[in-house]
Protein backbone atom coordinates (compact mmCIF):
# COMPACT_ATOMS: atom_id res chain seq x y z
CA MET A 1 -56.63 199.52 -24.09
CA ASP A 2 -59.88 199.51 -25.96
CA ASN A 3 -62.15 196.52 -25.40
CA LEU A 4 -62.56 194.09 -28.29
CA THR A 5 -65.77 194.61 -30.22
CA ASP A 6 -67.80 191.83 -31.80
CA THR A 7 -66.18 192.50 -35.17
CA ASN A 8 -62.73 192.00 -33.60
CA VAL A 9 -63.64 188.45 -32.56
CA ASN A 10 -62.65 186.21 -35.46
CA VAL A 11 -62.21 182.86 -33.66
CA GLY A 12 -65.14 180.49 -33.10
CA ASN A 13 -66.14 179.28 -29.64
CA THR A 14 -64.93 175.69 -30.01
CA GLU A 15 -61.61 176.85 -31.37
CA ARG A 16 -61.25 179.35 -28.52
CA VAL A 17 -61.72 176.62 -25.92
CA VAL A 18 -59.18 174.36 -27.64
CA SER A 19 -56.72 177.27 -27.94
CA ALA A 20 -57.07 178.20 -24.28
CA ILE A 21 -56.61 174.64 -23.02
CA ALA A 22 -53.73 173.90 -25.38
CA GLY A 23 -52.07 177.22 -24.59
CA GLY A 24 -52.19 176.63 -20.86
CA ALA A 25 -50.80 173.12 -21.28
CA LEU A 26 -47.95 174.36 -23.48
CA VAL A 27 -47.03 177.10 -21.01
CA ALA A 28 -46.93 174.59 -18.14
CA TYR A 29 -44.93 172.07 -20.18
CA GLY A 30 -42.50 174.73 -21.40
CA LEU A 31 -41.85 176.06 -17.90
CA LYS A 32 -41.26 172.52 -16.68
CA ARG A 33 -38.60 171.91 -19.36
CA ALA A 34 -36.70 175.06 -18.36
CA ASP A 35 -34.62 175.13 -21.55
CA THR A 36 -34.62 176.96 -24.88
CA THR A 37 -37.26 174.67 -26.36
CA GLY A 38 -39.34 175.14 -23.23
CA ILE A 39 -39.17 178.91 -23.58
CA LEU A 40 -40.36 178.71 -27.19
CA LEU A 41 -43.21 176.39 -26.21
CA SER A 42 -44.22 178.73 -23.40
CA VAL A 43 -44.30 181.69 -25.79
CA LEU A 44 -46.37 179.66 -28.25
CA GLY A 45 -48.67 178.58 -25.43
CA GLY A 46 -49.08 182.14 -24.25
CA GLY A 47 -50.13 183.18 -27.74
CA LEU A 48 -52.67 180.37 -27.95
CA ALA A 49 -54.04 181.18 -24.51
CA LEU A 50 -54.42 184.86 -25.45
CA ARG A 51 -56.11 183.80 -28.69
CA GLY A 52 -58.59 181.74 -26.72
CA ALA A 53 -59.23 184.43 -24.13
CA THR A 54 -59.76 187.31 -26.57
CA GLY A 55 -61.19 185.42 -29.53
CA HIS A 56 -58.91 187.39 -31.84
CA CYS A 57 -56.25 185.96 -34.15
CA GLN A 58 -53.89 188.24 -36.07
CA VAL A 59 -52.99 185.42 -38.47
CA TYR A 60 -56.67 185.14 -39.39
CA ASP A 61 -56.70 188.90 -39.98
CA ALA A 62 -53.82 188.56 -42.43
CA MET A 63 -55.54 185.64 -44.21
CA ASP A 64 -58.95 187.37 -44.23
CA MET A 65 -60.45 184.48 -42.26
CA ASN A 66 -63.18 184.47 -39.63
CA THR A 67 -64.42 181.34 -37.85
CA ASN A 68 -66.75 183.22 -35.52
CA GLU A 69 -69.98 182.40 -37.33
CA GLU A 70 -72.17 184.06 -34.68
CA HIS A 71 -70.79 187.49 -35.50
CA GLY A 72 -70.31 187.37 -39.26
CA PHE A 73 -70.76 190.40 -41.48
CA ALA A 74 -71.63 191.11 -45.08
CA GLY A 75 -68.95 190.22 -47.59
CA GLU A 76 -67.47 187.59 -45.28
CA GLN A 77 -69.10 184.54 -46.87
CA ASP A 78 -66.09 183.45 -48.93
CA SER A 79 -63.65 183.73 -46.05
CA ASN A 80 -66.01 181.79 -43.80
CA LYS A 81 -66.04 178.98 -46.35
CA LYS A 82 -62.27 178.86 -46.14
CA SER A 83 -62.45 178.97 -42.35
CA ARG A 84 -64.92 176.10 -42.11
CA GLY A 85 -62.69 174.13 -44.48
CA PHE A 86 -59.80 174.69 -42.10
CA LEU A 87 -61.81 173.74 -39.04
CA SER A 88 -63.66 170.77 -40.47
CA SER A 89 -60.70 169.08 -42.15
CA LYS A 90 -61.09 165.30 -41.99
CA ILE A 91 -58.29 162.91 -41.15
CA HIS A 92 -57.92 159.85 -43.41
CA VAL A 93 -55.89 156.84 -42.29
CA LYS A 94 -55.26 153.57 -44.12
CA LYS A 95 -53.09 150.86 -42.52
CA SER A 96 -52.72 147.09 -42.72
CA VAL A 97 -50.89 144.25 -41.01
CA THR A 98 -50.60 140.51 -41.69
CA ILE A 99 -51.44 138.15 -38.82
CA ASN A 100 -50.76 134.43 -38.69
CA LYS A 101 -54.38 133.55 -37.86
CA SER A 102 -57.51 132.79 -39.86
CA PRO A 103 -59.92 135.54 -40.96
CA ALA A 104 -62.72 133.93 -38.92
CA GLU A 105 -60.77 134.10 -35.65
CA LEU A 106 -59.80 137.75 -36.11
CA TYR A 107 -63.23 138.79 -37.34
CA GLN A 108 -65.01 137.18 -34.37
CA PHE A 109 -62.75 138.95 -31.88
CA TRP A 110 -63.08 142.36 -33.59
CA ARG A 111 -66.83 141.99 -34.09
CA ASN A 112 -67.29 142.20 -30.32
CA PHE A 113 -66.42 145.89 -30.09
CA GLU A 114 -65.94 145.62 -26.33
CA ASN A 115 -62.63 143.88 -27.14
CA LEU A 116 -61.23 146.88 -29.02
CA PRO A 117 -59.84 148.82 -25.99
CA LYS A 118 -57.61 145.78 -25.31
CA PHE A 119 -55.35 146.84 -28.18
CA MET A 120 -56.52 150.33 -29.21
CA SER A 121 -54.59 152.70 -26.96
CA HIS A 122 -56.87 155.71 -27.48
CA LEU A 123 -60.04 153.91 -26.37
CA GLU A 124 -61.17 153.78 -22.76
CA SER A 125 -64.25 151.64 -23.34
CA VAL A 126 -66.77 150.42 -25.89
CA SER A 127 -70.14 149.03 -24.84
CA ASN A 128 -72.49 147.18 -27.16
CA SER A 129 -76.03 148.52 -27.34
CA GLU A 130 -79.20 147.19 -28.92
CA GLY A 131 -79.08 146.12 -32.54
CA ASN A 132 -75.98 147.26 -34.40
CA ARG A 133 -75.21 150.23 -32.15
CA SER A 134 -72.39 150.74 -29.66
CA HIS A 135 -71.19 153.50 -27.32
CA TRP A 136 -67.54 154.59 -27.50
CA VAL A 137 -65.42 156.52 -24.99
CA ALA A 138 -62.01 157.71 -26.21
CA LYS A 139 -59.10 159.53 -24.63
CA ALA A 140 -58.51 163.12 -25.73
CA PRO A 141 -55.62 165.56 -25.16
CA PHE A 142 -54.99 166.98 -21.68
CA GLY A 143 -56.66 164.10 -19.80
CA THR A 144 -60.15 164.64 -21.22
CA THR A 145 -62.44 162.16 -22.96
CA VAL A 146 -64.89 162.25 -25.85
CA GLU A 147 -67.91 159.98 -26.34
CA TRP A 148 -70.12 159.04 -29.26
CA ASP A 149 -72.47 156.36 -30.54
CA ALA A 150 -71.76 154.35 -33.68
CA GLU A 151 -73.61 151.82 -35.76
CA ILE A 152 -72.58 149.04 -38.13
CA THR A 153 -73.40 150.09 -41.68
CA SER A 154 -72.08 147.10 -43.64
CA GLU A 155 -70.93 143.62 -42.74
CA ARG A 156 -69.83 140.36 -44.35
CA GLU A 157 -69.12 137.57 -41.89
CA ASN A 158 -65.40 136.77 -41.58
CA GLU A 159 -64.62 139.38 -44.28
CA ARG A 160 -65.41 142.97 -43.32
CA ILE A 161 -67.09 145.31 -40.83
CA GLY A 162 -68.06 148.88 -41.68
CA TRP A 163 -69.26 151.44 -39.14
CA ASN A 164 -70.25 155.08 -38.89
CA SER A 165 -70.86 157.45 -36.00
CA VAL A 166 -74.49 158.46 -35.57
CA GLU A 167 -75.68 161.98 -36.32
CA GLY A 168 -74.60 164.55 -33.74
CA ALA A 169 -71.46 162.68 -32.62
CA SER A 170 -68.81 164.85 -30.94
CA VAL A 171 -66.18 163.20 -33.15
CA PRO A 172 -67.78 162.33 -36.52
CA ASN A 173 -66.05 159.22 -37.85
CA SER A 174 -66.43 156.22 -40.11
CA GLY A 175 -64.35 153.22 -40.96
CA VAL A 176 -64.06 149.73 -42.31
CA VAL A 177 -61.88 146.77 -41.35
CA GLU A 178 -61.29 143.95 -43.82
CA PHE A 179 -59.95 140.45 -43.15
CA ARG A 180 -58.30 139.08 -46.30
CA PRO A 181 -56.80 135.56 -46.41
CA THR A 182 -53.22 135.38 -47.67
CA SER A 183 -51.42 132.66 -49.59
CA THR A 184 -49.49 131.73 -46.44
CA ARG A 185 -52.60 130.82 -44.42
CA GLY A 186 -52.46 134.14 -42.59
CA THR A 187 -54.77 137.15 -42.78
CA GLU A 188 -54.20 140.69 -43.95
CA VAL A 189 -56.12 143.03 -41.65
CA ARG A 190 -56.75 146.32 -43.42
CA VAL A 191 -58.23 149.36 -41.66
CA VAL A 192 -59.51 152.50 -43.39
CA LEU A 193 -60.54 155.24 -40.97
CA THR A 194 -61.92 158.75 -41.47
CA TYR A 195 -62.66 161.13 -38.62
CA GLU A 196 -63.07 164.80 -37.89
CA PRO A 197 -61.12 165.96 -34.81
CA PRO A 198 -62.56 168.73 -32.62
CA ALA A 199 -61.50 172.13 -34.07
CA GLY A 200 -60.37 170.44 -37.27
CA LYS A 201 -56.78 170.99 -38.33
CA LEU A 202 -56.02 173.02 -35.23
CA GLY A 203 -57.06 170.13 -33.00
CA ALA A 204 -55.12 167.67 -35.16
CA MET A 205 -51.98 169.81 -35.01
CA ILE A 206 -52.22 170.10 -31.22
CA ALA A 207 -52.68 166.33 -30.92
CA LYS A 208 -49.61 165.72 -33.09
CA LEU A 209 -47.62 168.14 -30.96
CA PHE A 210 -48.28 165.86 -28.00
CA GLY A 211 -47.27 162.71 -29.89
CA GLU A 212 -50.65 161.45 -31.08
CA GLU A 213 -50.13 161.20 -34.84
CA PRO A 214 -53.21 159.34 -36.20
CA SER A 215 -51.44 157.16 -38.77
CA GLN A 216 -48.81 155.97 -36.29
CA GLN A 217 -51.47 155.40 -33.66
CA VAL A 218 -53.58 153.16 -35.91
CA TYR A 219 -50.52 151.19 -37.02
CA GLY A 220 -49.48 150.76 -33.39
CA ASP A 221 -52.95 149.46 -32.55
CA LEU A 222 -52.77 146.92 -35.37
CA CYS A 223 -49.34 145.76 -34.22
CA ARG A 224 -50.71 145.17 -30.72
CA PHE A 225 -53.65 143.28 -32.24
CA LYS A 226 -51.16 141.09 -34.13
CA SER A 227 -49.02 140.53 -31.04
CA MET A 228 -52.01 139.53 -28.89
CA PHE A 229 -52.95 136.72 -31.28
CA GLU A 230 -49.53 135.49 -32.32
CA SER A 231 -48.16 135.45 -28.78
CA GLY A 232 -51.02 133.25 -27.61
CA GLU A 233 -52.47 135.93 -25.33
CA ILE A 234 -55.83 135.43 -27.06
CA ILE A 235 -57.12 131.86 -26.80
CA THR A 236 -59.05 131.17 -29.98
CA THR A 237 -61.50 128.38 -30.74
CA GLU A 238 -58.90 126.97 -33.12
CA GLY A 239 -56.34 126.93 -30.33
CA GLN A 240 -58.79 125.28 -27.95
CA SER A 241 -59.50 122.55 -30.52
CA SER A 242 -55.78 121.88 -30.89
CA ALA A 243 -55.37 121.70 -27.13
CA ARG A 244 -58.25 119.23 -26.82
CA LYS A 245 -56.66 117.00 -29.48
CA GLU A 246 -53.37 117.00 -27.59
CA ASP A 247 -55.16 116.15 -24.34
CA ALA A 248 -56.96 113.26 -26.05
CA LYS A 249 -53.68 111.88 -27.38
CA ALA A 250 -52.11 112.12 -23.93
CA ALA A 251 -55.06 110.30 -22.35
CA LYS A 252 -54.80 107.41 -24.85
CA ALA A 253 -51.09 107.09 -24.16
């Protein structure tokens, strides 16, 4: 078999790594299932692994696409634009939940970003840095992690917090959380999130394959946030004040 030349390589380096890792994981998972679905997953995984190893994708050939920017050639500019669009596709998520607590209580808890991993399942840790910056460590597929720094870009006390990853982040992202009082003395917590997964749509599709659909994940995080406060797991200043009043009444009695 002839060796692949540079012009045969039409898959970019990042995408090759993701394909190889995902392919190996799918093969292992498929073999473990030992059923018809497992066989199909193993075949799919083998194709991804080969794609990563060789850097060549027949589907890209058929679509006249090339994501290997290092070895482009004349006349390929338009297809590369399409390729970059495929790889750099951003994920947009908008979710909300109503919590039976005041905006101030929820805002104060969220504003300390180190609290976020307590209810956000994809986060391993967040550490506050100087000024408005923080360092984030998140879980990624296949037991890996990704890290980035973010900074607060807009803020209104007890109302909203906006943030954005700093330049050069491995997972470019931005978002805003709003705390809106409701007519029933509760608070609507609304999150709008935009991020760019590694390898774009390919990375997003692989994540979904392993059960990490972004919209469901964010909604699940908000539901845990709601449960933490309404179950009494989080002791708020309002709750402490109520407890002190009850203690005072008991002492007088």
